[in-house]
C-alpha cells in the first residue's frame, strides 16, 4: 500500500494490552506480526494484508509504570466481518512481547463511518409565534 493511499476501513479493531515488563511500541508491533505469522494461510498474514491494503496501519499507544506496560491497539480493516474477527482473534492470541508475558484483550470491533444527516433546505417552523399587535400595544402602554 502506497504511503499516500488511504484505507477505506469497513471495521476497526480496538484492543487493550497489559505487559509484565517495560517494552516499547516496536516490541508490541513485532510480537503481533511475529506471533500471528503462520496461524492462517498466507493470504491472512498481517504483512500480506497490509501490502494489499486490506489492513491499515496498526496504531499502538502505550505507557509504562512500575514494571508494567499498558496500552491500546487500533487496527483498521477493509476485510469483511468474519475475516476481521479472525484477525482480531489472532491478535488476542499474542501472549509474549519480548521476554515479558502479555495479555491482549479485544475490546470491540466497530464500524467507523459516521453518517451525517443531509442538510435541510427548508426553514424550520418557528417555536413560538410572534406577539399579536394587541399584545404589543398592551406591553408598550404599561411601559410608558
Protein backbone atom coordinates (compact mmCIF):
# COMPACT_ATOMS: atom_id res chain seq x y z
CA UNK A 1 0.00 0.00 0.00
CA UNK A 2 1.46 3.34 -1.01
CA UNK A 3 2.14 5.95 1.61
CA UNK A 4 -0.33 8.39 0.08
CA UNK A 5 -3.16 5.87 -0.19
CA UNK A 6 -5.86 5.93 2.46
CA UNK A 7 -7.52 2.73 3.64
CA UNK A 8 -11.30 2.78 3.43
CA UNK A 9 -11.90 0.88 6.66
CA UNK A 10 -15.07 -1.14 6.98
CA UNK A 11 -14.20 -2.11 10.54
CA UNK A 12 -11.78 -1.06 13.25
CA UNK A 13 -10.33 -3.50 15.76
CA UNK A 14 -9.75 -1.92 19.17
CA UNK A 15 -7.81 -3.79 21.85
CA UNK A 16 -6.04 -3.13 25.12
CA UNK A 17 -2.99 -4.86 26.50
CA UNK A 18 -1.08 -5.33 29.73
CA UNK A 19 2.54 -6.48 29.66
CA UNK A 20 4.54 -7.59 32.71
CA UNK A 21 7.61 -5.51 31.94
CA UNK A 22 8.71 -2.33 30.22
CA UNK A 23 8.56 -2.57 26.43
CA UNK A 24 8.46 -0.16 23.53
CA UNK A 25 5.98 0.32 20.74
CA UNK A 26 8.04 -1.55 18.15
CA UNK A 27 8.30 -4.54 20.53
CA UNK A 28 4.50 -4.82 20.64
CA UNK A 29 4.19 -4.49 16.86
CA UNK A 30 6.91 -7.10 16.36
CA UNK A 31 5.16 -9.51 18.72
CA UNK A 32 1.82 -9.07 16.92
CA UNK A 33 3.35 -9.67 13.49
CA UNK A 34 5.67 -12.44 14.68
CA UNK A 35 3.23 -14.48 16.74
CA UNK A 36 0.33 -14.26 14.28
CA UNK A 37 2.52 -15.40 11.39
CA UNK A 38 1.68 -18.95 10.37
CA UNK A 39 -1.64 -19.16 12.22
CA UNK A 40 -3.62 -18.83 9.00
CA UNK A 41 -2.89 -19.32 5.29
CA UNK A 42 -0.52 -16.83 3.64
CA UNK A 43 -3.32 -14.58 2.36
CA UNK A 44 -4.30 -13.85 6.01
CA UNK A 45 -0.83 -12.93 7.27
CA UNK A 46 -0.73 -9.34 8.54
CA UNK A 47 2.21 -8.37 6.32
CA UNK A 48 0.43 -9.59 3.20
CA UNK A 49 -2.83 -7.93 4.25
CA UNK A 50 -1.05 -4.61 4.78
CA UNK A 51 0.74 -4.88 1.43
CA UNK A 52 -2.57 -5.47 -0.33
CA UNK A 53 -4.25 -2.62 1.59
CA UNK A 54 -6.76 -4.80 3.43
CA UNK A 55 -5.36 -3.95 6.87
CA UNK A 56 -4.27 -0.43 7.66
CA UNK A 57 -1.51 0.84 9.88
CA UNK A 58 -1.68 -0.71 13.33
CA UNK A 59 -1.59 2.15 15.82
CA UNK A 60 -0.27 1.47 19.29
CA UNK A 61 -0.25 3.85 22.23
CA UNK A 62 1.31 2.77 25.49
CA UNK A 63 2.56 3.93 28.86
CA UNK A 64 4.92 2.23 31.28
CA UNK A 65 4.69 2.41 35.05
CA UNK A 66 6.17 0.26 37.83
CA UNK A 67 7.49 -2.52 35.55
CA UNK A 68 4.18 -2.81 33.68
CA UNK A 69 3.24 -1.51 30.27
CA UNK A 70 -0.38 -0.84 29.38
CA UNK A 71 -1.76 0.42 26.14
CA UNK A 72 -4.23 0.39 23.31
CA UNK A 73 -4.13 -1.09 19.81
CA UNK A 74 -6.23 0.24 16.92
CA UNK A 75 -6.19 -1.57 13.58
CA UNK A 76 -8.42 -0.56 10.64
CA UNK A 77 -9.61 -3.33 8.33
CA UNK A 78 -11.28 -3.38 4.95
CA UNK A 79 -11.95 -7.11 5.25
CA UNK A 80 -15.45 -8.44 5.87
CA UNK A 81 -16.78 -9.02 9.38
CA UNK A 82 -15.74 -12.68 9.72
CA UNK A 83 -12.23 -12.11 8.36
CA UNK A 84 -11.77 -9.08 10.64
CA UNK A 85 -12.86 -11.20 13.62
CA UNK A 86 -10.25 -13.84 12.66
CA UNK A 87 -7.52 -11.20 12.56
CA UNK A 88 -8.69 -9.88 15.96
CA UNK A 89 -8.61 -13.40 17.42
CA UNK A 90 -5.09 -13.88 16.08
CA UNK A 91 -4.02 -10.61 17.73
CA UNK A 92 -5.58 -11.73 21.01
CA UNK A 93 -3.52 -14.94 20.92
CA UNK A 94 -0.27 -13.00 21.46
CA UNK A 95 1.00 -14.00 24.90
CA UNK A 96 4.55 -12.65 24.99
CA UNK A 97 6.20 -9.39 23.99
CA UNK A 98 9.93 -9.94 24.00
CA UNK A 99 10.76 -11.76 27.24
CA UNK A 100 7.67 -10.41 29.02
CA UNK A 101 4.28 -12.03 29.48
CA UNK A 102 1.45 -10.15 27.77
CA UNK A 103 -2.33 -10.17 27.68
CA UNK A 104 -4.17 -8.61 24.74
CA UNK A 105 -7.93 -8.21 25.04
CA UNK A 106 -10.10 -7.25 22.09
CA UNK A 107 -12.47 -4.57 23.39
CA UNK A 108 -14.55 -4.06 20.28
CA UNK A 109 -14.76 -4.33 16.53
CA UNK A 110 -16.78 -1.44 15.21
CA UNK A 111 -17.94 0.20 12.03
CA UNK A 112 -16.14 3.57 11.89
CA UNK A 113 -18.21 5.55 9.40
CA UNK A 114 -20.36 8.30 10.80
CA UNK A 115 -23.32 9.02 8.61
CA UNK A 116 -24.24 12.67 8.55
CA UNK A 117 -27.77 13.84 8.03
CA UNK A 118 -28.24 15.65 4.74
CA UNK A 119 -28.63 19.37 5.37
CA UNK A 120 -32.20 20.54 5.04
CA UNK A 121 -33.05 23.27 2.55
CA UNK A 122 -36.30 24.03 4.32
CA UNK A 123 -36.56 26.51 7.16
CA UNK A 124 -37.71 25.05 10.46
CA UNK A 125 -41.05 26.01 11.91
CA UNK A 126 -40.73 28.78 14.49
CA UNK A 127 -41.10 27.52 18.04
CA UNK A 128 -43.16 30.46 19.21
CA UNK A 129 -45.49 32.78 17.42
CA UNK A 130 -44.82 36.48 17.16
CA UNK A 131 -46.91 38.50 19.61
CA UNK A 132 -50.06 39.96 18.19
CA UNK A 133 -50.42 43.72 17.62
CA UNK A 134 -52.86 43.97 20.54
CA UNK A 135 -50.36 42.28 22.87
CA UNK A 136 -47.57 44.61 21.73
CA UNK A 137 -49.82 47.65 22.30
CA UNK A 138 -50.55 46.45 25.85
CA UNK A 139 -46.86 45.90 26.62
CA UNK A 140 -45.93 49.35 25.29
CA UNK A 141 -48.81 51.02 27.15
CA UNK A 142 -47.64 49.58 30.51
CA UNK A 143 -44.00 50.51 29.99
CA UNK A 144 -44.69 54.19 29.20
